Protein backbone atom coordinates (compact mmCIF):
# COMPACT_ATOMS: atom_id res chain seq x y z
CA UNK A 1 98.31 111.01 37.94
CA UNK A 2 95.22 113.13 38.56
CA UNK A 3 95.74 112.85 42.32
CA UNK A 4 99.39 113.90 42.04
CA UNK A 5 98.47 116.81 39.80
CA UNK A 6 95.80 117.94 42.27
CA UNK A 7 98.27 117.71 45.19
CA UNK A 8 100.88 119.74 43.24
CA UNK A 9 98.42 122.48 42.33
CA UNK A 10 96.95 122.62 45.83
CA UNK A 11 100.28 122.80 47.69
CA UNK A 12 101.70 125.35 45.23
CA UNK A 13 99.24 127.94 46.45
CA UNK A 14 100.09 130.49 49.11
CA UNK A 15 98.48 129.85 52.49
CA UNK A 16 98.89 130.48 56.21
CA UNK A 17 99.49 128.12 59.11
CA UNK A 18 100.15 128.54 62.84
CA UNK A 19 103.37 127.01 64.19
CA UNK A 20 105.06 126.96 67.57
CA UNK A 21 108.72 126.98 68.55
CA UNK A 22 110.75 126.83 71.76
CA UNK A 23 111.95 130.02 73.46
CA UNK A 24 115.56 130.40 74.56
CA UNK A 25 117.22 133.37 76.23
CA UNK A 26 120.90 133.30 75.23
CA UNK A 27 124.04 135.34 75.92
CA UNK A 28 122.91 136.37 79.41
CA UNK A 29 125.82 138.14 81.21
CA UNK A 30 127.76 135.83 83.53
CA UNK A 31 126.71 137.76 86.64
CA UNK A 32 122.97 137.43 85.90
CA UNK A 33 120.49 134.56 86.00
CA UNK A 34 116.77 134.06 85.36
CA UNK A 35 114.71 133.84 88.56
CA UNK A 36 111.45 132.93 86.82
CA UNK A 37 110.83 130.65 83.88
CA UNK A 38 110.05 132.21 80.51
CA UNK A 39 107.31 130.70 78.31
CA UNK A 40 108.37 127.34 76.93
CA UNK A 41 107.14 128.15 73.45
CA UNK A 42 105.67 130.89 71.29
CA UNK A 43 102.95 130.55 68.62
CA UNK A 44 103.18 132.44 65.33
CA UNK A 45 101.43 132.64 61.96
CA UNK A 46 103.49 131.82 58.86
CA UNK A 47 102.64 132.54 55.22
CA UNK A 48 104.12 130.61 52.34
CA UNK A 49 103.48 128.01 49.70
CA UNK A 50 101.84 124.82 50.90
CA UNK A 51 104.86 122.67 49.96
CA UNK A 52 107.19 124.89 51.96
CA UNK A 53 104.88 124.92 54.96
CA UNK A 54 104.72 121.13 54.92
CA UNK A 55 108.53 120.96 54.89
CA UNK A 56 108.64 123.40 57.81
CA UNK A 57 106.10 121.31 59.71
CA UNK A 58 108.14 118.13 59.21
CA UNK A 59 111.55 119.66 59.91
CA UNK A 60 110.75 121.22 63.31
CA UNK A 61 113.87 123.36 62.83
CA UNK A 62 112.43 126.55 64.18
CA UNK A 63 113.28 128.51 67.32
CA UNK A 64 113.17 131.87 69.02
CA UNK A 65 116.51 132.98 70.46
CA UNK A 66 116.41 136.14 72.54
CA UNK A 67 119.77 137.86 72.86
CA UNK A 68 120.32 138.84 76.49
CA UNK A 69 123.67 140.59 76.01
CA UNK A 70 122.35 143.99 77.09
CA UNK A 71 120.03 142.75 79.83
CA UNK A 72 120.32 143.98 83.43
CA UNK A 73 119.09 142.66 86.79
CA UNK A 74 115.44 143.64 86.54
CA UNK A 75 112.08 142.55 85.14
CA UNK A 76 111.86 143.14 81.39
CA UNK A 77 108.61 143.16 79.44
CA UNK A 78 109.78 141.67 76.20
CA UNK A 79 107.79 142.10 72.97
CA UNK A 80 108.55 139.49 70.32
CA UNK A 81 109.19 140.72 66.80
CA UNK A 82 108.27 138.47 63.83
CA UNK A 83 111.78 138.78 62.37
CA UNK A 84 113.25 137.17 65.51
CA UNK A 85 111.73 133.78 64.60
CA UNK A 86 114.45 131.75 62.90
CA UNK A 87 113.07 129.54 60.10
CA UNK A 88 115.07 126.86 58.26
CA UNK A 89 114.05 127.94 54.77
CA UNK A 90 113.37 131.08 52.73
CA UNK A 91 110.14 131.95 50.95
CA UNK A 92 108.35 131.93 54.31
CA UNK A 93 107.15 134.99 56.18
CA UNK A 94 106.16 135.25 59.82
CA UNK A 95 103.03 137.35 59.58
CA UNK A 96 102.09 137.62 63.23
CA UNK A 97 103.03 136.53 66.74
CA UNK A 98 99.81 135.04 68.10
CA UNK A 99 100.74 134.14 71.70
CA UNK A 100 102.36 135.28 73.80
CA UNK A 101 103.17 138.57 72.16
CA UNK A 102 104.66 140.05 75.32
CA UNK A 103 106.11 138.21 78.33
CA UNK A 104 108.33 138.95 81.32
CA UNK A 105 112.02 138.13 81.50
CA UNK A 106 113.02 138.34 85.16
CA UNK A 107 116.73 138.53 85.96
CA UNK A 108 118.63 138.72 89.22
CA UNK A 109 122.29 138.70 90.18
CA UNK A 110 123.93 135.27 90.28
CA UNK A 111 124.90 134.37 93.84
CA UNK A 112 126.57 131.42 95.54
CA UNK A 113 127.51 130.41 99.06
CA UNK A 114 128.24 127.37 101.22
CA UNK A 115 125.55 125.97 103.53
CA UNK A 116 125.38 123.09 105.99
CA UNK A 117 123.89 119.72 105.06
CA UNK A 118 121.38 118.35 107.57
CA UNK A 119 120.89 114.57 107.36
CA UNK A 120 117.45 112.98 107.50
CA UNK A 121 118.80 109.49 108.08
CA UNK A 122 117.60 107.00 110.67
CA UNK A 123 119.84 104.11 111.74
CA UNK A 124 118.07 101.14 113.33
CA UNK A 125 120.67 98.63 114.56
CA UNK A 126 119.92 95.01 115.37
CA UNK A 127 118.87 94.28 118.96
CA UNK A 128 122.33 93.81 120.49
CA UNK A 129 123.98 96.64 118.55
CA UNK A 130 124.31 100.36 119.16
CA UNK A 131 124.41 103.43 116.93
CA UNK A 132 127.19 105.53 118.45
CA UNK A 133 127.69 109.23 118.01
CA UNK A 134 126.03 111.13 115.17
CA UNK A 135 125.58 110.75 111.44
CA UNK A 136 128.68 112.13 109.72
CA UNK A 137 128.17 113.82 106.34
CA UNK A 138 130.83 114.26 103.68
CA UNK A 139 131.00 116.97 102.53
CA UNK A 140 129.47 118.74 105.51
CA UNK A 141 128.71 121.78 103.33
CA UNK A 142 127.57 122.20 99.74
CA UNK A 143 127.53 125.20 97.43
CA UNK A 144 124.16 126.79 96.69
CA UNK A 145 124.07 128.72 93.43
CA UNK A 146 121.25 130.68 91.85
CA UNK A 147 119.35 133.99 91.88
CA UNK A 148 120.44 136.17 94.80
CA UNK A 149 116.87 136.64 96.10
CA UNK A 150 116.61 132.88 96.68
CA UNK A 151 120.17 132.03 97.73
CA UNK A 152 120.32 134.58 100.55
CA UNK A 153 117.34 132.93 102.32
CA UNK A 154 118.82 129.41 102.23
CA UNK A 155 120.79 128.60 105.40
CA UNK A 156 120.91 124.79 105.14
CA UNK A 157 119.86 121.92 102.90
CA UNK A 158 118.28 118.56 103.77
CA UNK A 159 119.10 115.11 102.54
CA UNK A 160 116.38 112.80 101.31
CA UNK A 161 114.81 110.72 104.08
CA UNK A 162 116.48 107.35 104.48
CA UNK A 163 116.01 104.52 107.00
CA UNK A 164 118.70 101.85 107.36
CA UNK A 165 117.36 98.77 109.14
CA UNK A 166 119.03 95.83 110.87
CA UNK A 167 122.52 97.32 111.00
CA UNK A 168 125.24 95.38 112.84
CA UNK A 169 128.39 97.10 111.59
CA UNK A 170 129.54 100.60 110.61
CA UNK A 171 127.59 101.74 107.56
CA UNK A 172 128.62 104.09 104.77
CA UNK A 173 126.48 105.07 101.80
CA UNK A 174 125.34 107.94 99.63
CA UNK A 175 122.15 109.97 99.76
CA UNK A 176 120.67 112.64 97.48
CA UNK A 177 119.87 116.14 98.64
CA UNK A 178 116.24 117.26 98.43
CA UNK A 179 116.11 119.30 95.20
CA UNK A 180 115.55 123.04 95.69
CA UNK A 181 112.01 124.36 95.13
CA UNK A 182 113.21 127.74 93.92
CA UNK A 183 113.65 128.27 90.18
CA UNK A 184 117.19 128.09 88.80
CA UNK A 185 118.75 127.17 92.17
CA UNK A 186 121.12 124.21 92.26
CA UNK A 187 123.36 122.45 94.74
CA UNK A 188 126.91 121.33 94.11
CA UNK A 189 127.23 118.46 94.76
CA UNK A 190 123.66 117.14 94.60
CA UNK A 191 124.58 113.96 96.49
CA UNK A 192 126.59 113.44 99.69
CA UNK A 193 128.03 110.48 101.57
CA UNK A 194 127.19 109.56 105.15
CA UNK A 195 128.81 107.40 107.81
CA UNK A 196 127.26 105.87 110.95
CA UNK A 197 129.24 104.05 113.63
CA UNK A 198 127.40 100.89 114.73
CA UNK A 199 129.04 98.56 117.24
CA UNK A 200 128.00 95.56 119.31
CA UNK A 201 126.97 96.61 122.81
CA UNK A 202 127.30 95.10 126.28
CA UNK A 203 124.16 94.14 128.24
CA UNK A 204 123.57 94.89 131.89
CA UNK A 205 120.69 94.13 134.26
CA UNK A 206 119.70 96.90 136.66
CA UNK A 207 116.94 97.38 139.25
CA UNK A 208 115.71 100.96 139.58
CA UNK A 209 113.23 102.33 142.11
CA UNK A 210 110.36 104.56 141.02
CA UNK A 211 111.59 107.99 141.98
CA UNK A 212 109.36 110.52 140.24
CA UNK A 213 105.58 110.67 140.30
CA UNK A 214 103.98 113.18 137.96
CA UNK A 215 101.02 114.08 140.15
CA UNK A 216 100.08 117.42 141.70
CA UNK A 217 97.23 116.54 144.04
CA UNK A 218 97.65 112.89 145.07
CA UNK A 219 98.96 112.63 148.63
CA UNK A 220 98.72 108.94 149.47
CA UNK A 221 100.11 106.74 146.70
CA UNK A 222 100.99 103.07 146.83
CA UNK A 223 102.90 101.40 144.01
CA UNK A 224 103.23 97.67 143.56
CA UNK A 225 105.98 96.90 142.81
CA UNK A 226 107.86 100.12 143.55
CA UNK A 227 110.79 99.30 141.28
CA UNK A 228 111.46 97.84 137.84
CA UNK A 229 114.10 95.54 136.41
CA UNK A 230 115.78 96.89 133.27
CA UNK A 231 117.94 95.24 130.65
CA UNK A 232 120.21 97.89 129.21
CA UNK A 233 122.71 97.96 126.35
CA UNK A 234 125.68 100.26 125.94
CA UNK A 235 129.36 100.60 125.27
CA UNK A 236 131.38 98.59 127.76
CA UNK A 237 132.94 101.53 129.57
CA UNK A 238 129.68 103.51 129.73
CA UNK A 239 127.44 100.62 130.76
CA UNK A 240 129.85 99.58 133.53
CA UNK A 241 130.03 103.14 134.87
CA UNK A 242 126.24 103.50 134.92
CA UNK A 243 124.57 103.91 138.33
CA UNK A 244 120.87 103.40 139.18
CA UNK A 245 120.72 107.12 139.98
CA UNK A 246 121.53 107.86 136.33
CA UNK A 247 118.27 106.21 135.23
CA UNK A 248 114.99 108.03 135.85
CA UNK A 249 111.75 106.03 136.05
CA UNK A 250 108.53 108.07 136.03
CA UNK A 251 104.80 107.36 136.25
CA UNK A 252 102.23 109.73 134.77
CA UNK A 253 99.47 109.40 137.37
CA UNK A 254 95.83 110.38 137.19
CA UNK A 255 94.53 113.03 139.56
CA UNK A 256 91.42 111.00 140.54
CA UNK A 257 91.46 108.50 143.41
CA UNK A 258 91.32 104.81 142.57
CA UNK A 259 93.37 101.85 141.41
CA UNK A 260 95.14 102.02 138.09
CA UNK A 261 97.90 100.43 136.05
CA UNK A 262 100.55 102.63 134.50
CA UNK A 263 103.49 101.81 132.23
CA UNK A 264 106.83 103.07 133.56
CA UNK A 265 108.49 105.85 131.59
CA UNK A 266 112.24 105.26 131.36
CA UNK A 267 114.70 108.10 130.77
CA UNK A 268 118.23 106.93 129.99
CA UNK A 269 121.56 108.70 129.56
CA UNK A 270 122.80 109.21 125.99
CA UNK A 271 124.17 106.15 124.17
CA UNK A 272 122.32 103.76 126.52
CA UNK A 273 119.65 101.58 124.91
CA UNK A 274 116.68 99.96 126.66
CA UNK A 275 116.26 96.30 125.72
CA UNK A 276 113.45 95.33 128.11
CA UNK A 277 111.64 96.39 131.26
CA UNK A 278 109.86 94.21 133.81
CA UNK A 279 107.14 94.56 134.77
CA UNK A 280 105.82 96.58 131.83
CA UNK A 281 103.04 98.06 133.97
CA UNK A 282 102.74 98.93 137.67
CA UNK A 283 99.69 98.80 139.91
CA UNK A 284 99.02 102.13 141.58
CA UNK A 285 96.47 102.98 144.30
CA UNK A 286 95.71 106.67 144.79
CA UNK A 287 93.88 107.82 147.94
């Protein structure tokens, strides 16, 4: 009984306590948008009876709503007034705003436009299969919406990086867009679909002579062997129409005289895949 009486007397006294509450800017005109975050919360000193302060502490029903009805597209230095703090009960008085007392509200015009989606997707088919064409994105464009100062500098958006391994048939899937770094900018939609055409290829053996030597000073060069055997993969019509002249085999030679071994560098037409090359290094004598 004594403890209860002490608690009643103690909490019936008037005292002060510092609280915090979230900050919200409401009723912003439809053509405006924040381009920088406002403080997440504000701290303030409240006076009232101990019992009432305890109830306020437990309820957490307190907030600061800033009416943006009359705001324009500019930076506003906003000073918080104690009467703007909404409390859930009477008999409490906000004595002082402790921090921040003044903060910036930065507004810009709301802007939106369509931009191209650039895929960051790698398709790695199985050995005897080919990735044909390009990655197709659906939709090819998304809407960027946000503060005009940010939106006008965005010309394209990237998908998240994705690697699809061991593919042996056409593949279709979804991928998220990389979220924007700029404040209050969003994409619609935030996820797109992609399609990649993967088909089984046709193999072909081909012998190609070394045609290009990347050397500026060497005059007398002997290569053994002077040609390589390639195993190539491609669509049937393209692989059958391929000529040895369409394949370029190069050696990056040293400038000094001597005997060396160099790997052949193979340059192929589009949509032709190199399966193997023999030999994988060539003996070169430079005099």
